[in-house]
C-alpha atoms as a PDB file:
ATOM      1  CA  MET A   1     -19.716   3.106   6.385  1.00  0.00           C
ATOM      2  CA  ALA A   2     -16.297   1.456   6.407  1.00  0.00           C
ATOM      3  CA  LEU A   3     -13.255   1.803   8.663  1.00  0.00           C
ATOM      4  CA  ILE A   4     -10.246   2.357   6.411  1.00  0.00           C
ATOM      5  CA  LEU A   5      -6.517   2.912   7.003  1.00  0.00           C
ATOM      6  CA  VAL A   6      -4.541   4.908   4.438  1.00  0.00           C
ATOM      7  CA  THR A   7      -0.758   4.942   4.809  1.00  0.00           C
ATOM      8  CA  GLY A   8       1.328   7.864   3.610  1.00  0.00           C
ATOM      9  CA  ALA A   9      -1.605  10.258   3.867  1.00  0.00           C
ATOM     10  CA  ALA A  10       0.138  13.516   4.755  1.00  0.00           C
ATOM     11  CA  GLY A  11      -0.084  14.682   1.146  1.00  0.00           C
ATOM     12  CA  GLY A  12      -0.342  13.660  -2.484  1.00  0.00           C
ATOM     13  CA  LEU A  13      -2.304  10.581  -3.497  1.00  0.00           C
ATOM     14  CA  GLY A  14      -2.653   9.359   0.075  1.00  0.00           C
ATOM     15  CA  ARG A  15      -4.188  12.608   1.253  1.00  0.00           C
ATOM     16  CA  ASN A  16      -6.496  12.750  -1.770  1.00  0.00           C
ATOM     17  CA  THR A  17      -7.577   9.159  -1.159  1.00  0.00           C
ATOM     18  CA  ALA A  18      -8.276   9.798   2.511  1.00  0.00           C
ATOM     19  CA  ASN A  19     -10.222  12.982   1.745  1.00  0.00           C
ATOM     20  CA  ALA A  20     -12.361  11.248  -0.872  1.00  0.00           C
ATOM     21  CA  LEU A  21     -13.197   8.439   1.531  1.00  0.00           C
ATOM     22  CA  VAL A  22     -14.208  10.849   4.297  1.00  0.00           C
ATOM     23  CA  ASP A  23     -16.314  12.829   1.830  1.00  0.00           C
ATOM     24  CA  ASP A  24     -18.127   9.568   1.041  1.00  0.00           C
ATOM     25  CA  GLY A  25     -18.946   9.106   4.731  1.00  0.00           C
ATOM     26  CA  HIS A  26     -16.296   6.568   5.779  1.00  0.00           C
ATOM     27  CA  ASP A  27     -14.215   6.514   8.954  1.00  0.00           C
ATOM     28  CA  VAL A  28     -10.601   7.030   7.944  1.00  0.00           C
ATOM     29  CA  VAL A  29      -7.456   6.501   9.972  1.00  0.00           C
ATOM     30  CA  VAL A  30      -4.478   8.181   8.353  1.00  0.00           C
ATOM     31  CA  HIS A  31      -0.843   7.222   8.713  1.00  0.00           C
ATOM     32  CA  VAL A  32       1.841   9.917   8.487  1.00  0.00           C
ATOM     33  CA  ARG A  33       5.574   9.794   9.011  1.00  0.00           C
ATOM     34  CA  ASN A  34       5.750  13.297  10.455  1.00  0.00           C
ATOM     35  CA  PRO A  35       2.739  14.438  12.521  1.00  0.00           C
ATOM     36  CA  ALA A  36       3.885  18.052  12.094  1.00  0.00           C
ATOM     37  CA  ARG A  37       2.417  17.891   8.578  1.00  0.00           C
ATOM     38  CA  LEU A  38      -1.058  17.580  10.121  1.00  0.00           C
ATOM     39  CA  THR A  39      -1.415  21.022  11.618  1.00  0.00           C
ATOM     40  CA  GLY A  40      -4.757  22.422  10.444  1.00  0.00           C
ATOM     41  CA  ALA A  41      -8.003  22.379  12.370  1.00  0.00           C
ATOM     42  CA  GLU A  42      -9.395  20.121   9.650  1.00  0.00           C
ATOM     43  CA  ASP A  43      -6.768  17.511  10.485  1.00  0.00           C
ATOM     44  CA  THR A  44      -7.954  17.321  14.075  1.00  0.00           C
ATOM     45  CA  ALA A  45     -11.619  16.743  13.321  1.00  0.00           C
ATOM     46  CA  ARG A  46     -11.655  15.040   9.919  1.00  0.00           C
ATOM     47  CA  TRP A  47      -9.998  11.723  10.717  1.00  0.00           C
ATOM     48  CA  LYS A  48     -11.089   8.825  12.882  1.00  0.00           C
ATOM     49  CA  GLY A  49      -7.494   8.735  14.083  1.00  0.00           C
ATOM     50  CA  VAL A  50      -3.838   9.193  13.189  1.00  0.00           C
ATOM     51  CA  VAL A  51      -1.064   6.599  13.147  1.00  0.00           C
ATOM     52  CA  THR A  52       2.521   7.830  13.069  1.00  0.00           C
ATOM     53  CA  GLY A  53       5.795   6.165  12.170  1.00  0.00           C
ATOM     54  CA  ASP A  54       8.688   6.123   9.735  1.00  0.00           C
ATOM     55  CA  LEU A  55       8.027   3.154   7.431  1.00  0.00           C
ATOM     56  CA  ALA A  56      11.720   3.022   6.540  1.00  0.00           C
ATOM     57  CA  ASP A  57      12.411   1.691  10.060  1.00  0.00           C
ATOM     58  CA  LEU A  58      11.337  -1.833  11.062  1.00  0.00           C
ATOM     59  CA  ASP A  59      10.752  -0.919  14.696  1.00  0.00           C
ATOM     60  CA  GLU A  60       8.579   2.028  13.711  1.00  0.00           C
ATOM     61  CA  ILE A  61       6.605  -0.164  11.305  1.00  0.00           C
ATOM     62  CA  ARG A  62       5.916  -2.517  14.192  1.00  0.00           C
ATOM     63  CA  ASP A  63       4.791   0.407  16.345  1.00  0.00           C
ATOM     64  CA  ALA A  64       2.571   1.709  13.557  1.00  0.00           C
ATOM     65  CA  ALA A  65       0.925  -1.722  13.423  1.00  0.00           C
ATOM     66  CA  ARG A  66       0.372  -1.553  17.183  1.00  0.00           C
ATOM     67  CA  GLN A  67      -1.203   1.906  16.904  1.00  0.00           C
ATOM     68  CA  ALA A  68      -3.438   0.800  14.046  1.00  0.00           C
ATOM     69  CA  GLY A  69      -4.498  -2.259  16.010  1.00  0.00           C
ATOM     70  CA  GLU A  70      -6.058  -0.025  18.647  1.00  0.00           C
ATOM     71  CA  PHE A  71      -8.821   0.826  16.158  1.00  0.00           C
ATOM     72  CA  GLY A  72      -9.800  -2.819  15.698  1.00  0.00           C
ATOM     73  CA  ARG A  73     -10.182  -4.686  12.429  1.00  0.00           C
ATOM     74  CA  PHE A  74     -10.212  -2.475   9.353  1.00  0.00           C
ATOM     75  CA  ASP A  75     -12.579  -2.988   6.480  1.00  0.00           C
ATOM     76  CA  ALA A  76      -9.798  -1.907   4.130  1.00  0.00           C
ATOM     77  CA  VAL A  77      -6.124  -0.996   4.309  1.00  0.00           C
ATOM     78  CA  ILE A  78      -4.682   1.064   1.466  1.00  0.00           C
ATOM     79  CA  HIS A  79      -0.896   0.715   1.364  1.00  0.00           C
ATOM     80  CA  ASN A  80      -0.230   4.048  -0.292  1.00  0.00           C
ATOM     81  CA  ALA A  81       3.036   5.117   1.368  1.00  0.00           C
ATOM     82  CA  GLY A  82       5.986   5.047  -0.983  1.00  0.00           C
ATOM     83  CA  THR A  83       9.381   6.498  -1.791  1.00  0.00           C
ATOM     84  CA  MET A  84      11.665   6.629  -4.805  1.00  0.00           C
ATOM     85  CA  ASP A  85      14.754   6.939  -2.594  1.00  0.00           C
ATOM     86  CA  SER A  86      16.795   3.822  -3.350  1.00  0.00           C
ATOM     87  CA  ARG A  87      18.071   3.702   0.241  1.00  0.00           C
ATOM     88  CA  ASP A  88      14.554   3.112   1.579  1.00  0.00           C
ATOM     89  CA  ALA A  89      12.517   1.877  -1.399  1.00  0.00           C
ATOM     90  CA  GLY A  90      12.620  -1.808  -0.474  1.00  0.00           C
ATOM     91  CA  THR A  91      11.575  -1.169   3.117  1.00  0.00           C
ATOM     92  CA  VAL A  92       8.906   1.500   2.600  1.00  0.00           C
ATOM     93  CA  ASN A  93       7.390   0.122  -0.591  1.00  0.00           C
ATOM     94  CA  THR A  94       7.499  -3.631   0.100  1.00  0.00           C
ATOM     95  CA  VAL A  95       8.550  -4.542   3.635  1.00  0.00           C
ATOM     96  CA  ALA A  96       6.167  -2.098   5.340  1.00  0.00           C
ATOM     97  CA  PRO A  97       3.027  -3.421   3.587  1.00  0.00           C
ATOM     98  CA  TYR A  98       4.149  -6.970   4.372  1.00  0.00           C
ATOM     99  CA  LEU A  99       4.915  -6.327   8.035  1.00  0.00           C
ATOM    100  CA  LEU A 100       1.791  -4.273   8.687  1.00  0.00           C
ATOM    101  CA  THR A 101      -0.301  -7.034   7.129  1.00  0.00           C
ATOM    102  CA  ALA A 102       1.455  -9.729   9.137  1.00  0.00           C
ATOM    103  CA  LEU A 103       1.024  -7.893  12.452  1.00  0.00           C
ATOM    104  CA  MET A 104      -2.484  -6.467  12.113  1.00  0.00           C
ATOM    105  CA  ASP A 105      -5.879  -8.157  12.178  1.00  0.00           C
ATOM    106  CA  LYS A 106      -6.646  -9.186   8.612  1.00  0.00           C
ATOM    107  CA  PRO A 107      -8.850  -6.567   6.913  1.00  0.00           C
ATOM    108  CA  ALA A 108     -11.584  -7.377   4.450  1.00  0.00           C
ATOM    109  CA  ARG A 109      -9.644  -5.652   1.658  1.00  0.00           C
ATOM    110  CA  LEU A 110      -5.974  -4.966   0.976  1.00  0.00           C
ATOM    111  CA  ILE A 111      -4.980  -2.446  -1.696  1.00  0.00           C
ATOM    112  CA  HIS A 112      -1.316  -2.037  -2.651  1.00  0.00           C
ATOM    113  CA  LEU A 113       0.022   0.826  -4.744  1.00  0.00           C
ATOM    114  CA  SER A 114       2.125  -0.407  -7.621  1.00  0.00           C
ATOM    115  CA  SER A 115       3.548   1.457 -10.623  1.00  0.00           C
ATOM    116  CA  SER A 116       3.964   0.828 -14.324  1.00  0.00           C
ATOM    117  CA  MET A 117       7.687   0.871 -13.512  1.00  0.00           C
ATOM    118  CA  HIS A 118       7.262  -2.496 -11.766  1.00  0.00           C
ATOM    119  CA  ARG A 119       7.681  -4.051 -15.208  1.00  0.00           C
ATOM    120  CA  SER A 120      11.379  -3.092 -15.074  1.00  0.00           C
ATOM    121  CA  GLY A 121      11.897  -4.604 -11.621  1.00  0.00           C
ATOM    122  CA  SER A 122      14.256  -7.439 -10.781  1.00  0.00           C
ATOM    123  CA  THR A 123      13.358 -10.831  -9.324  1.00  0.00           C
ATOM    124  CA  ASP A 124      16.734 -10.949  -7.543  1.00  0.00           C
ATOM    125  CA  LEU A 125      15.534 -11.013  -3.946  1.00  0.00           C
ATOM    126  CA  ARG A 126      19.080 -10.802  -2.605  1.00  0.00           C
ATOM    127  CA  ARG A 127      18.603  -7.071  -3.091  1.00  0.00           C
ATOM    128  CA  LEU A 128      15.979  -7.073  -0.345  1.00  0.00           C
ATOM    129  CA  ALA A 129      18.322  -8.228   2.414  1.00  0.00           C
ATOM    130  CA  ALA A 130      21.196  -6.166   1.014  1.00  0.00           C
ATOM    131  CA  GLY A 131      19.133  -2.985   1.000  1.00  0.00           C
ATOM    132  CA  THR A 132      19.936  -2.322  -2.661  1.00  0.00           C
ATOM    133  CA  ALA A 133      16.439  -2.555  -4.147  1.00  0.00           C
ATOM    134  CA  SER A 134      15.518   0.029  -6.743  1.00  0.00           C
ATOM    135  CA  TYR A 135      12.105   1.681  -6.906  1.00  0.00           C
ATOM    136  CA  ASP A 136      11.243  -0.599  -9.837  1.00  0.00           C
ATOM    137  CA  ASP A 137      12.265  -3.683  -7.823  1.00  0.00           C
ATOM    138  CA  SER A 138      10.157  -2.652  -4.845  1.00  0.00           C
ATOM    139  CA  LYS A 139       7.086  -2.094  -6.993  1.00  0.00           C
ATOM    140  CA  LEU A 140       7.459  -5.497  -8.669  1.00  0.00           C
ATOM    141  CA  TRP A 141       7.739  -7.070  -5.236  1.00  0.00           C
ATOM    142  CA  VAL A 142       4.738  -5.291  -3.710  1.00  0.00           C
ATOM    143  CA  THR A 143       2.685  -6.221  -6.775  1.00  0.00           C
ATOM    144  CA  THR A 144       3.769  -9.820  -6.278  1.00  0.00           C
ATOM    145  CA  LEU A 145       2.871  -9.560  -2.594  1.00  0.00           C
ATOM    146  CA  ALA A 146      -0.614  -8.333  -3.516  1.00  0.00           C
ATOM    147  CA  PHE A 147      -1.158 -11.420  -5.667  1.00  0.00           C
ATOM    148  CA  ALA A 148       0.360 -13.740  -3.063  1.00  0.00           C
ATOM    149  CA  LEU A 149      -2.203 -12.453  -0.553  1.00  0.00           C
ATOM    150  CA  ALA A 150      -5.130 -12.550  -2.967  1.00  0.00           C
ATOM    151  CA  SER A 151      -6.356 -15.988  -1.942  1.00  0.00           C
ATOM    152  CA  ARG A 152      -4.463 -16.535   1.296  1.00  0.00           C
ATOM    153  CA  TRP A 153      -7.167 -15.795   3.872  1.00  0.00           C
ATOM    154  CA  GLN A 154     -10.892 -16.355   3.697  1.00  0.00           C
ATOM    155  CA  GLY A 155     -12.629 -13.000   3.933  1.00  0.00           C
ATOM    156  CA  THR A 156      -9.685 -10.916   2.693  1.00  0.00           C
ATOM    157  CA  THR A 157      -9.232  -9.717  -0.880  1.00  0.00           C
ATOM    158  CA  SER A 158      -6.064  -8.147  -2.259  1.00  0.00           C
ATOM    159  CA  HIS A 159      -5.354  -5.964  -5.290  1.00  0.00           C
ATOM    160  CA  ALA A 160      -2.542  -3.902  -6.821  1.00  0.00           C
ATOM    161  CA  VAL A 161      -3.139  -0.475  -8.354  1.00  0.00           C
ATOM    162  CA  ASP A 162      -1.071   1.580 -10.780  1.00  0.00           C
ATOM    163  CA  PRO A 163      -2.234   5.147 -10.031  1.00  0.00           C
ATOM    164  CA  GLY A 164      -0.424   6.549 -13.054  1.00  0.00           C
ATOM    165  CA  TRP A 165       2.371   9.087 -13.209  1.00  0.00           C
ATOM    166  CA  VAL A 166       0.617  11.954 -11.492  1.00  0.00           C
ATOM    167  CA  PRO A 167       1.763  15.472 -10.483  1.00  0.00           C
ATOM    168  CA  THR A 168       2.474  14.980  -6.790  1.00  0.00           C
ATOM    169  CA  ARG A 169       5.629  15.812  -4.863  1.00  0.00           C
ATOM    170  CA  MET A 170       6.966  12.390  -5.825  1.00  0.00           C
ATOM    171  CA  GLY A 171       5.744  12.436  -9.411  1.00  0.00           C
ATOM    172  CA  GLY A 172       6.812  15.996 -10.146  1.00  0.00           C
ATOM    173  CA  ALA A 173       4.889  18.951 -11.515  1.00  0.00           C
ATOM    174  CA  GLY A 174       5.292  17.799 -15.116  1.00  0.00           C
ATOM    175  CA  ALA A 175       3.770  14.349 -14.636  1.00  0.00           C
ATOM    176  CA  PRO A 176       1.282  13.728 -17.470  1.00  0.00           C
ATOM    177  CA  ASP A 177      -1.468  11.638 -15.810  1.00  0.00           C
ATOM    178  CA  ASP A 178      -4.660  12.919 -14.222  1.00  0.00           C
ATOM    179  CA  LEU A 179      -4.248  13.617 -10.505  1.00  0.00           C
ATOM    180  CA  THR A 180      -7.893  12.975  -9.641  1.00  0.00           C
ATOM    181  CA  ALA A 181      -7.946   9.641 -11.468  1.00  0.00           C
ATOM    182  CA  GLY A 182      -4.837   8.741  -9.467  1.00  0.00           C
ATOM    183  CA  HIS A 183      -6.823   8.008  -6.311  1.00  0.00           C
ATOM    184  CA  GLN A 184     -10.244   6.992  -7.609  1.00  0.00           C
ATOM    185  CA  THR A 185      -9.423   3.318  -8.202  1.00  0.00           C
ATOM    186  CA  GLN A 186      -8.185   2.881  -4.638  1.00  0.00           C
ATOM    187  CA  VAL A 187     -11.365   4.448  -3.251  1.00  0.00           C
ATOM    188  CA  TRP A 188     -13.520   2.245  -5.483  1.00  0.00           C
ATOM    189  CA  LEU A 189     -11.703  -0.971  -4.545  1.00  0.00           C
ATOM    190  CA  ALA A 190     -11.887  -0.120  -0.851  1.00  0.00           C
ATOM    191  CA  THR A 191     -15.623   0.522  -0.795  1.00  0.00           C
ATOM    192  CA  HIS A 192     -17.472  -1.223  -3.631  1.00  0.00           C
ATOM    193  CA  ARG A 193     -18.627  -4.833  -3.713  1.00  0.00           C
ATOM    194  CA  ASP A 194     -19.179  -5.105  -7.459  1.00  0.00           C
ATOM    195  CA  VAL A 195     -15.542  -5.594  -8.465  1.00  0.00           C
ATOM    196  CA  THR A 196     -14.412  -8.144 -11.045  1.00  0.00           C
ATOM    197  CA  PRO A 197     -12.098  -9.860 -10.401  1.00  0.00           C
ATOM    198  CA  ASN A 198     -13.029  -9.902  -6.754  1.00  0.00           C
ATOM    199  CA  THR A 199      -9.386 -10.387  -5.768  1.00  0.00           C
ATOM    200  CA  GLY A 200      -5.990 -10.527  -7.414  1.00  0.00           C
ATOM    201  CA  GLY A 201      -6.457  -7.696  -9.913  1.00  0.00           C
ATOM    202  CA  TYR A 202      -3.829  -5.339 -11.291  1.00  0.00           C
ATOM    203  CA  TRP A 203      -5.686  -2.087 -11.916  1.00  0.00           C
ATOM    204  CA  TYR A 204      -5.166   1.159 -13.795  1.00  0.00           C
ATOM    205  CA  HIS A 205      -8.051   3.654 -13.737  1.00  0.00           C
ATOM    206  CA  ARG A 206     -10.570   0.949 -12.778  1.00  0.00           C
ATOM    207  CA  GLN A 207      -9.515  -1.314 -15.643  1.00  0.00           C
ATOM    208  CA  THR A 208      -7.416  -4.445 -15.240  1.00  0.00           C
ATOM    209  CA  GLN A 209      -4.089  -4.780 -17.010  1.00  0.00           C
ATOM    210  CA  ASN A 210      -1.472  -7.497 -17.296  1.00  0.00           C
ATOM    211  CA  PRO A 211       1.332  -7.120 -14.754  1.00  0.00           C
ATOM    212  CA  HIS A 212       4.908  -8.370 -15.025  1.00  0.00           C
ATOM    213  CA  PRO A 213       4.617 -12.180 -15.444  1.00  0.00           C
ATOM    214  CA  ALA A 214       6.743 -12.789 -12.346  1.00  0.00           C
ATOM    215  CA  ALA A 215       4.096 -11.161 -10.155  1.00  0.00           C
ATOM    216  CA  GLN A 216       1.654 -13.962 -10.962  1.00  0.00           C
ATOM    217  CA  ASP A 217       4.244 -16.726 -10.737  1.00  0.00           C
ATOM    218  CA  GLU A 218       3.343 -18.768  -7.651  1.00  0.00           C
ATOM    219  CA  GLU A 219       6.947 -19.916  -7.208  1.00  0.00           C
ATOM    220  CA  PHE A 220       8.209 -16.335  -7.158  1.00  0.00           C
ATOM    221  CA  GLN A 221       5.374 -15.349  -4.817  1.00  0.00           C
ATOM    222  CA  ALA A 222       6.455 -18.076  -2.403  1.00  0.00           C
ATOM    223  CA  ARG A 223      10.105 -17.016  -2.616  1.00  0.00           C
ATOM    224  CA  LEU A 224       9.167 -13.400  -1.934  1.00  0.00           C
ATOM    225  CA  VAL A 225       7.054 -14.257   1.115  1.00  0.00           C
ATOM    226  CA  GLN A 226       9.860 -16.461   2.429  1.00  0.00           C
ATOM    227  CA  ALA A 227      12.394 -13.649   1.914  1.00  0.00           C
ATOM    228  CA  LEU A 228      10.140 -11.173   3.721  1.00  0.00           C
ATOM    229  CA  GLU A 229       9.579 -13.574   6.599  1.00  0.00           C
ATOM    230  CA  SER A 230      13.327 -14.062   6.925  1.00  0.00           C
ATOM    231  CA  HIS A 231      14.071 -10.343   6.664  1.00  0.00           C
ATOM    232  CA  THR A 232      11.512  -9.274   9.273  1.00  0.00           C
ATOM    233  CA  GLY A 233      11.429 -12.326  11.515  1.00  0.00           C
ATOM    234  CA  VAL A 234       7.620 -12.272  11.268  1.00  0.00           C
ATOM    235  CA  ALA A 235       5.566 -14.928   9.478  1.00  0.00           C
ATOM    236  CA  LEU A 236       2.278 -14.158   7.735  1.00  0.00           C
ATOM    237  CA  ASP A 237       0.303 -16.897   9.478  1.00  0.00           C
END
């Protein structure tokens, strides 16, 4: 049994991921922006706990990290929360995973949700501080962050996952990919030991793919971490 945090778990892929993990017998802490979306009796009893906070706000990210820290060290953290809103994409999709990781005890496994659209992202990190990052930019950056963390700490692995274009509220009803397959890779990476590569993989439906070359560029990784440290005022180490 593992203790696992899933961000953005009020619905969609995050909720499906959390449900699958609980069904497999794991203790799951869910993060939601709006606790009013957890209103059923099942939501009271099913989860190990609930963390709340708007991941578009740096202060609320910090508070979410504090809340999560009350549960101790997680076996896995799945950074599922995301938005396509260009006003918040950089913060929710990239800064929040960075800041939560920097402020929390290091888990055994980090899993970051990417997107095939990361291949259209920009390496212009001035967009981070300016708040002008596109969705594509933010997904390139969080993929890069996943690889930057892959060998940073002994005892912590890190991966990026493309869940596919699936029919969720974000993806839209006409999205062509399989909704169930959209969460299965995250569950597998969070709970199975027999994973190759052990760290630093870019995954789509439990198969590795080649990401944007910049994501594996150690110089760009270093520049991204430096930009995130400067933007948040919090260092990784």
